[in-house]
Amino acid sequence: MTDLEIASKHKIKDIKEIVKELKVPVDNVEYYGRYKAKIKPFGQIKQNSKLILVTAMNPTPYGEGKTTVSIGLADAMKQLKKNVILTLRQPSLGPVFGLKGGATGGGYSQVVPMTDINLHFTGDFHAITACNNLLCAAIDNHLQQGNELQIDKDQILFHRCLDVNDRSLREVKIGLGKNNGVERLDKFTITAASEIMALFCLATSLEDLKMKLGNIVVARRQDGSFVLAKDLHIEGAMTVLLKDSFQPNLVQTLEYTPTLIHGGPFANIAHGCNSIVATKLALSLADYVITEAGFGADLGAEKFFDITCPIAKFKPNCAVLVATIKSLKYNGGVGKDDINVPNLSALKKGLVNLGQHIENLKKFKVPIVVCLNKHTFDIPEEEQIVKDYCSNYGVQCLTSSAYIDGGKGALSLAKEVISLCEKPSNFAPLYSFDQSIKEKIETICREIYRSEKVIYSKEAEEKIKFIEQNDMSSLPICVAKTQYSFTDDPTKLGAPKDFTVTVKDVSIYNGAGFITVLLKDIMTMPGLPKHANYEQIDLNDNLEIQGIF
């Protein structure tokens, strides 16, 4: 059965029942039909609530099932009578219609209503896109209306966005024609890579959201100094556009576990974690909160630990590292056509990728468990090789069959997670914000990627110097790079050593509160593949999405 057919055979509870179980005050709820609601945050974080991060090894191009494992783990903990809430990112339409498809789990480990969540949901992404592009319109209007702020039109640093993969928009010329504004070059990013998305997820209140919006660096003046969004007096209007979207979205799993889905930054070109307000809301309502960071642990987990946790003052209690036989063989050199064929030699070769992720997570001083996300083509001998390998690191490796079995397929994993949460977490970020920009970049590249050397383009060198001269260097680093490798080259799989990393560009995300570092050829506007997922999607007689969902 397809994921949609499985979901259609399950009775979904009216969201009012989930709200009642959570004991959310009626005045803090806004319903979006029968199965979705927005919750206005209230209350304080529970004193003994536990925060669990789900991350992964470097993936294949088709994903390794972090979301499926996260959902299965939450459902299993609910079966064990634990008070648990799951917090996830909202899917972007780019991957949904591009390569990866939806992001609501799969099989018997799903969040529902899946089609709503994968498409327009409650309109949050549209609000973020509109907010982003309102600021862009204000910048161009200012240029047209006399340019009182002396903005250099060739040094505009904030760009338009769209929640669709479209490579043709990576470089555009605007203002063409008579009376259509000032002619200049611009570009689009995907909405998930927008600074608005990032600060939306890192803001702790509406007041903080407004402040962050006002602090966005939008351009440089002709004398080289920065222009902020608040110089255009637009932060109030931008906050109004986001005020309803800023409330976390409540849905449910197939087993009725409450799930907050809010915000959706990519982990390869942004910080890759759901909103702080959603996680804090969950921590105020539940004893156990499961969250997820995108792509491999070298991206999402590192950013969760080094950006999100210090800003939100979170202290995670446990990390679940998801691996698959498929990804291990991929990192051992097996191509797509043979990925489901048993290959013990390639499997053993690819284990070094998993080992480096285990070593990296230990550097953050949190308890770790490895979850082998079970697939149909896996064989017991392969599974035992992975378990033995993990035991050499002093780490438990447990399988999850949540895709096939729902929560009961992750019960052993849930029991281990509960046990680990009782151990002390001595969590500490990898670096201090007060270190220099290059020190922070090189710490990540050395300790997480294992690079020998970092080289900087002339443009990156100049931007780092300018940021430091403007006293904006005491911010965390958000590295944008390929998700398929520890390096900046997607073809270098496994665990390469002694390589060189190239910093192509540096951007100040002063509103979000971090510095983005782009490595090598990373793009902030993805393109569509030759055969995209949109080719598989149609409407059936019941007006339900079929195919990839």
Protein backbone atom coordinates (compact mmCIF):
# COMPACT_ATOMS: atom_id res chain seq x y z
CA MET A 1 0.00 0.00 0.00
CA THR A 2 1.09 3.59 -0.58
CA ASP A 3 1.54 5.97 2.34
CA LEU A 4 -1.70 7.69 1.37
CA GLU A 5 -3.63 4.39 1.33
CA ILE A 6 -2.26 3.50 4.77
CA ALA A 7 -3.21 6.91 6.14
CA SER A 8 -6.71 6.69 4.63
CA LYS A 9 -7.38 3.43 6.53
CA HIS A 10 -6.68 5.12 9.89
CA LYS A 11 -9.32 7.16 11.65
CA ILE A 12 -7.92 10.60 12.42
CA LYS A 13 -9.06 12.15 15.67
CA ASP A 14 -10.68 15.55 15.64
CA ILE A 15 -7.86 17.90 16.62
CA LYS A 16 -10.04 19.15 19.48
CA GLU A 17 -9.49 15.78 21.17
CA ILE A 18 -5.70 16.21 20.94
CA VAL A 19 -6.01 19.75 22.30
CA LYS A 20 -8.10 18.47 25.20
CA GLU A 21 -5.56 15.75 26.02
CA LEU A 22 -2.80 18.38 26.10
CA LYS A 23 -4.93 20.61 28.38
CA VAL A 24 -4.41 23.68 26.20
CA PRO A 25 -6.61 26.63 27.28
CA VAL A 26 -9.41 27.27 24.80
CA ASP A 27 -8.30 30.89 24.26
CA ASN A 28 -4.89 29.67 23.07
CA VAL A 29 -6.24 27.59 20.18
CA GLU A 30 -7.19 28.56 16.64
CA TYR A 31 -8.65 25.70 14.59
CA TYR A 32 -7.92 25.18 10.90
CA GLY A 33 -10.65 22.70 10.08
CA ARG A 34 -11.05 19.37 11.91
CA TYR A 35 -7.46 18.15 11.88
CA LYS A 36 -5.17 21.18 12.28
CA ALA A 37 -4.82 23.89 14.87
CA LYS A 38 -2.50 26.71 15.83
CA ILE A 39 -1.49 26.98 19.48
CA LYS A 40 -0.54 30.27 21.09
CA PRO A 41 2.41 29.47 23.40
CA PHE A 42 1.75 29.61 27.12
CA GLY A 43 3.27 28.36 30.36
CA GLN A 44 6.86 27.66 31.38
CA ILE A 45 9.16 24.79 30.39
CA LYS A 46 8.70 21.84 32.73
CA GLN A 47 11.55 21.53 35.19
CA ASN A 48 12.36 17.90 34.35
CA SER A 49 11.31 17.73 30.70
CA LYS A 50 13.69 15.84 28.42
CA LEU A 51 14.79 17.00 24.95
CA ILE A 52 15.78 14.31 22.42
CA LEU A 53 17.45 15.09 19.09
CA VAL A 54 17.10 12.76 16.09
CA THR A 55 19.87 13.15 13.52
CA ALA A 56 21.57 10.91 10.93
CA MET A 57 24.68 9.87 9.07
CA ASN A 58 25.32 11.36 5.62
CA PRO A 59 22.38 10.37 3.43
CA THR A 60 21.84 9.01 -0.03
CA PRO A 61 20.03 11.45 -2.37
CA TYR A 62 16.74 9.84 -1.31
CA GLY A 63 16.86 10.35 2.47
CA GLU A 64 17.33 7.81 5.25
CA GLY A 65 14.10 8.16 7.21
CA LYS A 66 14.89 10.49 10.11
CA THR A 67 11.31 11.71 10.15
CA THR A 68 9.95 8.14 10.02
CA VAL A 69 12.20 7.19 12.95
CA SER A 70 11.25 10.35 14.88
CA ILE A 71 7.54 9.59 14.48
CA GLY A 72 7.99 5.90 15.33
CA LEU A 73 10.03 6.79 18.42
CA ALA A 74 7.34 9.22 19.60
CA ASP A 75 4.59 6.64 19.03
CA ALA A 76 6.62 3.99 20.87
CA MET A 77 7.12 6.28 23.86
CA LYS A 78 3.39 6.95 23.86
CA GLN A 79 2.78 3.18 23.91
CA LEU A 80 5.08 3.06 26.94
CA LYS A 81 2.70 5.53 28.61
CA LYS A 82 5.09 8.46 28.41
CA ASN A 83 3.88 12.03 28.04
CA VAL A 84 5.56 12.86 24.72
CA ILE A 85 5.29 15.48 21.98
CA LEU A 86 7.01 15.39 18.61
CA THR A 87 8.30 18.63 17.01
CA LEU A 88 9.17 18.67 13.30
CA ARG A 89 9.91 21.07 10.47
CA GLN A 90 7.30 21.83 7.83
CA PRO A 91 8.04 20.41 4.35
CA SER A 92 9.08 22.77 1.55
CA LEU A 93 7.33 22.55 -1.80
CA GLY A 94 10.78 22.46 -3.44
CA PRO A 95 11.62 18.86 -2.43
CA VAL A 96 7.94 17.83 -2.48
CA PHE A 97 7.73 18.51 -6.22
CA GLY A 98 11.46 18.01 -6.88
CA LEU A 99 13.47 14.97 -5.80
CA LYS A 100 12.84 13.84 -2.22
CA GLY A 101 9.06 14.10 -2.03
CA GLY A 102 7.07 14.82 1.13
CA ALA A 103 8.38 14.99 4.69
CA THR A 104 5.66 13.51 6.87
CA GLY A 105 7.22 10.10 7.47
CA GLY A 106 6.02 6.98 5.74
CA GLY A 107 4.27 3.62 6.03
CA TYR A 108 2.75 3.20 9.49
CA SER A 109 4.92 5.97 10.91
CA GLN A 110 3.29 9.15 9.60
CA VAL A 111 1.95 12.50 10.68
CA VAL A 112 -1.46 13.43 9.30
CA PRO A 113 -3.20 15.00 7.44
CA MET A 114 -0.20 14.33 5.21
CA THR A 115 -1.36 16.07 2.02
CA ASP A 116 -2.22 19.27 3.90
CA ILE A 117 1.12 19.29 5.71
CA ASN A 118 3.10 18.63 2.52
CA LEU A 119 1.28 21.35 0.59
CA HIS A 120 -0.06 24.68 1.90
CA PHE A 121 -0.74 23.52 5.48
CA THR A 122 -1.77 26.64 7.47
CA GLY A 123 -0.07 29.09 5.11
CA ASP A 124 3.12 29.70 7.11
CA PHE A 125 5.48 29.36 4.16
CA HIS A 126 3.37 31.71 2.08
CA ALA A 127 3.43 34.30 4.87
CA ILE A 128 7.21 34.00 5.14
CA THR A 129 7.56 34.34 1.35
CA ALA A 130 5.29 37.41 1.34
CA CYS A 131 7.19 38.96 4.26
CA ASN A 132 10.51 38.38 2.51
CA ASN A 133 9.32 39.87 -0.77
CA LEU A 134 7.65 42.85 0.91
CA LEU A 135 11.06 43.81 2.24
CA CYS A 136 12.55 43.41 -1.25
CA ALA A 137 9.81 45.60 -2.71
CA ALA A 138 10.51 48.23 -0.06
CA ILE A 139 14.21 48.25 -0.94
CA ASP A 140 13.48 48.81 -4.63
CA ASN A 141 10.81 51.38 -3.83
CA HIS A 142 13.36 53.29 -1.74
CA LEU A 143 15.78 53.30 -4.68
CA GLN A 144 13.03 54.59 -6.97
CA GLN A 145 11.81 57.30 -4.56
CA GLY A 146 15.09 59.17 -4.24
CA ASN A 147 17.34 56.79 -2.28
CA GLU A 148 17.60 58.89 0.88
CA LEU A 149 19.67 56.17 2.58
CA GLN A 150 22.29 56.27 -0.19
CA ILE A 151 21.94 52.54 -0.91
CA ASP A 152 24.45 51.20 -3.42
CA LYS A 153 22.22 49.31 -5.88
CA ASP A 154 25.10 46.94 -6.64
CA GLN A 155 25.50 46.06 -2.95
CA ILE A 156 21.97 44.91 -2.05
CA LEU A 157 22.39 41.88 0.22
CA PHE A 158 18.79 40.74 0.74
CA HIS A 159 17.05 38.88 -2.06
CA ARG A 160 13.64 37.65 -3.15
CA CYS A 161 12.46 34.10 -2.47
CA LEU A 162 10.03 31.48 -3.74
CA ASP A 163 9.11 28.07 -2.30
CA VAL A 164 9.76 26.22 -5.55
CA ASN A 165 12.96 24.78 -7.05
CA ASP A 166 13.73 27.04 -10.02
CA ARG A 167 17.36 27.36 -11.16
CA SER A 168 16.44 30.03 -13.73
CA LEU A 169 15.92 32.49 -10.87
CA ARG A 170 19.45 32.19 -9.45
CA GLU A 171 20.39 35.34 -11.36
CA VAL A 172 17.81 37.80 -12.70
CA LYS A 173 17.66 41.39 -13.91
CA ILE A 174 14.79 43.50 -12.54
CA GLY A 175 13.42 46.98 -13.20
CA LEU A 176 13.45 46.50 -16.97
CA GLY A 177 11.30 48.77 -19.10
CA LYS A 178 10.00 52.30 -18.67
CA ASN A 179 8.80 53.34 -15.18
CA ASN A 180 9.41 49.88 -13.71
CA GLY A 181 11.91 50.89 -11.06
CA VAL A 182 15.69 50.95 -10.93
CA GLU A 183 17.30 48.42 -13.23
CA ARG A 184 19.64 46.09 -11.33
CA LEU A 185 20.73 42.49 -10.88
CA ASP A 186 18.99 40.36 -8.25
CA LYS A 187 18.48 36.69 -7.41
CA PHE A 188 15.97 34.39 -5.72
CA THR A 189 16.61 31.92 -2.93
CA ILE A 190 14.22 29.14 -2.02
CA THR A 191 11.98 30.19 0.91
CA ALA A 192 13.55 27.57 3.19
CA ALA A 193 16.91 29.36 2.74
CA SER A 194 15.53 32.85 3.37
CA GLU A 195 16.80 34.77 6.36
CA ILE A 196 13.14 35.36 7.25
CA MET A 197 12.69 31.59 7.62
CA ALA A 198 15.81 31.35 9.78
CA LEU A 199 14.90 34.18 12.15
CA PHE A 200 11.28 33.00 12.27
CA CYS A 201 12.58 29.72 13.71
CA LEU A 202 15.09 31.37 16.06
CA ALA A 203 12.83 34.09 17.50
CA THR A 204 11.58 33.50 21.04
CA SER A 205 8.58 35.88 21.06
CA LEU A 206 6.70 38.28 18.78
CA GLU A 207 8.72 41.15 20.23
CA ASP A 208 11.94 39.27 19.53
CA LEU A 209 10.66 38.47 16.02
CA LYS A 210 10.09 42.18 15.33
CA MET A 211 13.56 43.06 16.62
CA LYS A 212 15.18 40.37 14.46
CA LEU A 213 13.26 41.54 11.38
CA GLY A 214 14.43 45.09 11.97
CA ASN A 215 18.06 43.98 12.31
CA ILE A 216 18.27 42.30 8.89
CA VAL A 217 21.18 43.73 6.89
CA VAL A 218 19.60 44.58 3.54
CA ALA A 219 22.34 46.51 1.74
CA ARG A 220 25.47 48.61 1.93
CA ARG A 221 25.54 52.36 1.46
CA GLN A 222 27.80 54.04 -1.04
CA ASP A 223 30.23 54.70 1.85
CA GLY A 224 30.25 50.95 2.63
CA SER A 225 28.19 51.04 5.85
CA PHE A 226 25.26 48.66 6.43
CA VAL A 227 21.59 49.50 5.90
CA LEU A 228 19.17 47.60 8.14
CA ALA A 229 15.53 46.74 7.48
CA LYS A 230 14.46 49.04 10.32
CA ASP A 231 16.01 51.96 8.42
CA LEU A 232 13.15 51.43 5.95
CA HIS A 233 10.59 51.47 8.81
CA ILE A 234 9.15 48.18 7.64
CA GLU A 235 9.67 45.80 10.57
CA GLY A 236 6.18 46.49 11.97
CA ALA A 237 4.45 45.56 8.71
CA MET A 238 6.63 42.46 8.38
CA THR A 239 5.73 41.35 11.91
CA VAL A 240 2.04 41.79 11.17
CA LEU A 241 2.41 39.50 8.15
CA LEU A 242 3.96 36.81 10.39
CA LYS A 243 2.00 37.20 13.62
CA ASP A 244 -0.49 34.36 12.98
CA SER A 245 2.09 32.09 11.35
CA PHE A 246 4.34 32.50 14.39
CA GLN A 247 2.00 30.28 16.43
CA PRO A 248 3.03 26.59 16.18
CA ASN A 249 0.86 24.12 14.24
CA LEU A 250 -0.62 21.10 16.01
CA VAL A 251 -1.37 17.84 14.18
CA GLN A 252 -1.10 14.14 15.10
CA THR A 253 0.56 10.87 14.12
CA LEU A 254 -1.39 7.82 12.94
CA GLU A 255 -1.23 6.68 16.58
CA TYR A 256 -2.54 10.03 17.85
CA THR A 257 0.75 11.33 19.29
CA PRO A 258 0.57 15.15 19.38
CA THR A 259 2.94 16.74 16.88
CA LEU A 260 3.98 20.37 16.48
CA ILE A 261 5.15 21.22 12.95
CA HIS A 262 6.54 24.72 12.60
CA GLY A 263 9.15 26.35 10.38
CA GLY A 264 11.23 24.64 7.74
CA PRO A 265 14.81 25.83 7.13
CA PHE A 266 16.97 23.46 5.08
CA ALA A 267 20.00 22.06 6.91
CA ASN A 268 22.40 22.26 3.96
CA ILE A 269 21.79 25.97 3.28
CA ALA A 270 20.26 27.13 6.58
CA HIS A 271 20.23 25.86 10.18
CA GLY A 272 17.81 22.97 9.61
CA CYS A 273 15.72 22.93 12.82
CA ASN A 274 12.08 23.61 13.65
CA SER A 275 11.13 26.77 15.55
CA ILE A 276 12.29 27.53 19.07
CA VAL A 277 8.75 28.58 20.05
CA ALA A 278 7.38 25.16 19.02
CA THR A 279 10.05 23.28 20.96
CA LYS A 280 9.53 25.48 24.02
CA LEU A 281 5.78 24.97 23.81
CA ALA A 282 6.32 21.21 23.65
CA LEU A 283 8.68 21.34 26.64
CA SER A 284 5.99 23.19 28.61
CA LEU A 285 3.40 20.47 27.87
CA ALA A 286 5.29 17.16 27.78
CA ASP A 287 7.83 15.20 29.79
CA TYR A 288 9.63 14.06 26.64
CA VAL A 289 10.10 16.15 23.49
CA ILE A 290 11.52 14.67 20.29
CA THR A 291 12.92 17.04 17.68
CA GLU A 292 14.82 16.51 14.47
CA ALA A 293 17.68 18.24 12.65
CA GLY A 294 17.98 17.99 8.88
CA PHE A 295 20.36 15.92 6.74
CA GLY A 296 23.50 14.41 8.31
CA ALA A 297 24.74 15.25 11.80
CA ASP A 298 27.58 17.28 10.26
CA LEU A 299 24.91 19.77 9.18
CA GLY A 300 21.64 19.71 11.14
CA ALA A 301 22.92 18.35 14.47
CA GLU A 302 25.98 20.61 14.52
CA LYS A 303 23.76 23.63 13.91
CA PHE A 304 21.21 22.50 16.49
CA PHE A 305 23.95 22.19 19.10
CA ASP A 306 25.94 25.30 18.11
CA ILE A 307 23.16 27.71 17.03
CA THR A 308 19.71 26.71 18.30
CA CYS A 309 20.65 25.40 21.75
CA PRO A 310 22.76 28.40 22.87
CA ILE A 311 20.14 30.87 21.59
CA ALA A 312 17.20 28.99 23.17
CA LYS A 313 19.21 27.86 26.23
CA PHE A 314 18.27 24.24 25.51
CA LYS A 315 20.22 21.40 27.11
CA PRO A 316 19.52 18.23 25.08
CA ASN A 317 19.40 14.97 27.01
CA CYS A 318 20.00 12.43 24.24
CA ALA A 319 20.85 12.12 20.53
CA VAL A 320 19.53 9.39 18.22
CA LEU A 321 21.79 8.82 15.21
CA VAL A 322 19.86 7.24 12.31
CA ALA A 323 21.70 4.97 9.89
CA THR A 324 20.59 2.68 7.07
CA ILE A 325 22.27 -0.25 5.39
CA LYS A 326 21.55 1.57 2.13
CA SER A 327 23.43 4.72 3.16
CA LEU A 328 26.35 2.71 4.55
CA LYS A 329 26.71 0.88 1.23
CA TYR A 330 26.33 4.20 -0.63
CA ASN A 331 29.20 5.62 1.43
CA GLY A 332 31.11 2.44 0.62
CA GLY A 333 30.86 3.19 -3.11
CA VAL A 334 27.71 1.34 -4.22
CA GLY A 335 25.63 3.07 -6.90
CA LYS A 336 21.87 3.55 -7.03
CA ASP A 337 21.13 0.50 -9.20
CA ASP A 338 22.83 -1.92 -6.79
CA ILE A 339 21.99 -0.24 -3.49
CA ASN A 340 19.52 -2.96 -2.41
CA VAL A 341 21.84 -5.88 -3.24
CA PRO A 342 23.73 -7.34 -0.22
CA ASN A 343 27.36 -6.20 -0.29
CA LEU A 344 29.22 -6.84 2.95
CA SER A 345 32.49 -5.42 1.64
CA ALA A 346 30.94 -2.07 0.70
CA LEU A 347 28.96 -2.02 3.94
CA LYS A 348 32.13 -2.42 6.02
CA LYS A 349 33.88 0.24 3.94
CA GLY A 350 31.01 2.71 4.47
CA LEU A 351 30.94 2.24 8.26
CA VAL A 352 33.63 4.89 8.65
CA ASN A 353 31.00 7.52 7.86
CA LEU A 354 28.84 6.34 10.75
CA GLY A 355 31.89 6.13 13.01
CA GLN A 356 32.86 9.74 12.37
CA HIS A 357 29.33 10.90 13.20
CA ILE A 358 29.46 8.97 16.48
CA GLU A 359 32.80 10.59 17.32
CA ASN A 360 31.41 14.03 16.43
CA LEU A 361 28.29 13.69 18.57
CA LYS A 362 30.41 12.64 21.54
CA LYS A 363 32.19 16.00 21.28
CA PHE A 364 28.94 17.69 22.34
CA LYS A 365 28.82 15.52 25.48
CA VAL A 366 25.31 14.11 25.04
CA PRO A 367 24.34 10.42 25.44
CA ILE A 368 24.02 8.67 22.05
CA VAL A 369 22.15 5.71 20.59
CA VAL A 370 22.36 4.55 16.96
CA CYS A 371 19.10 3.57 15.26
CA LEU A 372 19.34 1.30 12.24
CA ASN A 373 16.25 2.17 10.20
CA LYS A 374 15.22 -1.22 8.83
CA HIS A 375 14.46 -1.67 5.14
CA THR A 376 12.94 -4.60 3.25
CA PHE A 377 16.20 -5.58 1.54
CA ASP A 378 18.35 -5.63 4.71
CA ILE A 379 19.65 -9.02 5.84
CA PRO A 380 20.49 -10.08 9.44
CA GLU A 381 24.21 -10.45 8.70
CA GLU A 382 24.39 -6.82 7.58
CA GLU A 383 22.55 -5.64 10.67
CA GLN A 384 24.89 -7.56 12.97
CA ILE A 385 27.96 -6.00 11.33
CA VAL A 386 26.60 -2.53 12.09
CA LYS A 387 25.71 -3.44 15.68
CA ASP A 388 29.16 -4.89 16.32
CA TYR A 389 30.78 -1.79 14.84
CA CYS A 390 28.78 0.53 17.12
CA SER A 391 29.62 -1.57 20.19
CA ASN A 392 33.30 -0.83 19.55
CA TYR A 393 32.42 2.83 20.19
CA GLY A 394 30.55 1.93 23.37
CA VAL A 395 27.25 2.86 21.74
CA GLN A 396 24.07 0.77 21.49
CA CYS A 397 22.69 0.13 18.00
CA LEU A 398 18.99 -0.80 17.86
CA THR A 399 16.80 -1.40 14.84
CA SER A 400 13.52 0.35 14.10
CA SER A 401 10.83 -1.17 11.90
CA ALA A 402 8.41 1.71 12.53
CA TYR A 403 7.76 2.11 8.80
CA ILE A 404 6.17 -1.37 8.74
CA ASP A 405 5.07 -1.76 12.37
CA GLY A 406 4.39 1.76 13.65
CA GLY A 407 5.27 2.54 17.25
CA LYS A 408 5.70 -1.09 18.29
CA GLY A 409 8.57 -1.34 15.78
CA ALA A 410 10.54 1.24 17.78
CA LEU A 411 9.85 0.03 21.35
CA SER A 412 13.41 -1.16 22.02
CA LEU A 413 14.75 2.16 20.74
CA ALA A 414 12.29 4.06 22.94
CA LYS A 415 13.32 2.12 26.05
CA GLU A 416 17.00 2.90 25.40
CA VAL A 417 16.23 6.59 24.81
CA ILE A 418 14.27 6.78 28.08
CA SER A 419 17.19 5.14 29.87
CA LEU A 420 19.73 7.54 28.33
CA CYS A 421 17.60 10.53 29.31
CA GLU A 422 18.09 9.56 32.95
CA LYS A 423 21.85 9.91 32.58
CA PRO A 424 23.48 13.31 33.10
CA SER A 425 23.85 15.45 29.98
CA ASN A 426 26.98 17.56 30.08
CA PHE A 427 26.05 19.25 26.82
CA ALA A 428 28.43 21.92 25.55
CA PRO A 429 28.65 23.66 22.16
CA LEU A 430 31.74 23.16 20.04
CA TYR A 431 32.96 26.78 20.15
CA SER A 432 32.36 30.13 21.82
CA PHE A 433 30.54 32.91 19.98
CA ASP A 434 33.35 35.26 21.07
CA GLN A 435 35.96 33.48 18.97
CA SER A 436 36.94 35.15 15.68
CA ILE A 437 34.95 34.28 12.56
CA LYS A 438 37.81 32.26 11.09
CA GLU A 439 38.43 30.45 14.38
CA LYS A 440 34.79 29.34 14.46
CA ILE A 441 34.78 28.29 10.80
CA GLU A 442 38.01 26.36 11.18
CA THR A 443 36.86 24.68 14.40
CA ILE A 444 33.82 23.25 12.58
CA CYS A 445 35.87 22.24 9.54
CA ARG A 446 38.57 20.59 11.66
CA GLU A 447 36.48 18.94 14.39
CA ILE A 448 33.37 17.94 12.42
CA TYR A 449 34.49 17.58 8.78
CA ARG A 450 38.16 16.62 9.54
CA SER A 451 39.58 19.04 6.97
CA GLU A 452 43.29 19.83 7.07
CA LYS A 453 43.02 23.33 5.61
CA VAL A 454 40.46 26.05 4.94
CA ILE A 455 41.03 28.49 2.09
CA TYR A 456 39.00 31.64 1.51
CA SER A 457 38.06 33.40 -1.71
CA LYS A 458 39.03 37.05 -2.00
CA GLU A 459 35.36 37.99 -1.68
CA ALA A 460 34.98 35.92 1.50
CA GLU A 461 38.13 37.48 3.02
CA GLU A 462 36.81 40.98 2.34
CA LYS A 463 33.39 40.22 3.82
CA ILE A 464 34.85 38.67 6.98
CA LYS A 465 37.03 41.74 7.47
CA PHE A 466 34.04 44.07 6.96
CA ILE A 467 31.82 42.13 9.39
CA GLU A 468 34.53 42.30 12.03
CA GLN A 469 35.01 46.03 11.46
CA ASN A 470 31.27 46.50 12.07
CA ASP A 471 31.34 44.58 15.39
CA MET A 472 29.06 41.80 14.11
CA SER A 473 31.49 38.90 14.47
CA SER A 474 30.21 37.53 17.84
CA LEU A 475 27.65 35.29 16.17
CA PRO A 476 27.53 31.51 15.52
CA ILE A 477 28.46 30.08 12.13
CA CYS A 478 25.93 28.45 9.79
CA VAL A 479 27.80 26.46 7.14
CA ALA A 480 26.07 25.90 3.79
CA LYS A 481 27.52 22.85 2.04
CA THR A 482 26.63 19.57 0.38
CA GLN A 483 24.73 17.10 2.56
CA TYR A 484 26.24 14.02 0.93
CA SER A 485 29.79 14.34 2.20
CA PHE A 486 31.79 15.60 5.17
CA THR A 487 33.71 17.64 2.59
CA ASP A 488 32.47 20.36 0.23
CA ASP A 489 32.53 17.84 -2.64
CA PRO A 490 29.42 15.57 -2.86
CA THR A 491 31.40 12.82 -4.59
CA LYS A 492 33.83 12.31 -1.68
CA LEU A 493 31.95 9.75 0.38
CA GLY A 494 32.88 7.80 3.50
CA ALA A 495 35.14 9.71 5.90
CA PRO A 496 37.81 11.60 3.94
CA LYS A 497 40.78 13.02 5.82
CA ASP A 498 43.31 15.80 5.24
CA PHE A 499 41.32 17.61 2.55
CA THR A 500 40.91 21.33 1.85
CA VAL A 501 37.64 23.21 2.28
CA THR A 502 36.93 26.28 0.16
CA VAL A 503 34.92 29.18 1.63
CA LYS A 504 33.36 30.75 -1.45
CA ASP A 505 31.25 33.43 0.21
CA VAL A 506 30.17 34.79 3.59
CA SER A 507 26.85 36.50 4.42
CA ILE A 508 25.83 38.31 7.59
CA TYR A 509 22.39 37.17 8.76
CA ASN A 510 22.22 39.78 11.47
CA GLY A 511 18.48 39.40 11.93
CA ALA A 512 18.64 35.64 12.40
CA GLY A 513 21.75 36.04 14.52
CA PHE A 514 24.32 33.99 12.63
CA ILE A 515 26.92 34.24 9.89
CA THR A 516 26.33 32.06 6.84
CA VAL A 517 29.41 30.52 5.24
CA LEU A 518 28.97 29.06 1.74
CA LEU A 519 31.37 26.28 0.79
CA LYS A 520 32.41 25.66 -2.80
CA ASP A 521 29.45 25.23 -5.21
CA ILE A 522 26.47 25.17 -2.82
CA MET A 523 23.33 26.88 -4.21
CA THR A 524 20.61 28.64 -2.19
CA MET A 525 18.08 28.05 -5.00
CA PRO A 526 17.93 24.34 -5.94
CA GLY A 527 17.05 23.14 -9.41
CA LEU A 528 14.64 20.44 -10.51
CA PRO A 529 15.87 16.99 -11.63
CA LYS A 530 15.25 15.65 -15.14
CA HIS A 531 12.31 13.57 -13.90
CA ALA A 532 10.79 15.50 -10.99
CA ASN A 533 8.21 14.28 -8.49
CA TYR A 534 5.58 16.57 -10.02
CA GLU A 535 5.37 14.09 -12.93
CA GLN A 536 3.96 11.47 -10.55
CA ILE A 537 1.22 13.59 -8.96
CA ASP A 538 -2.39 13.81 -10.05
CA LEU A 539 -5.86 14.04 -8.53
CA ASN A 540 -8.09 11.02 -8.15
CA ASP A 541 -11.86 10.96 -7.84
CA ASN A 542 -11.70 11.81 -4.15
CA LEU A 543 -9.48 14.84 -4.78
CA GLU A 544 -6.67 13.27 -2.75
CA ILE A 545 -3.04 13.57 -3.77
CA GLN A 546 -1.61 10.27 -4.96
CA GLY A 547 1.84 9.10 -6.03
CA ILE A 548 4.78 10.39 -3.95
CA PHE A 549 2.66 11.25 -0.92
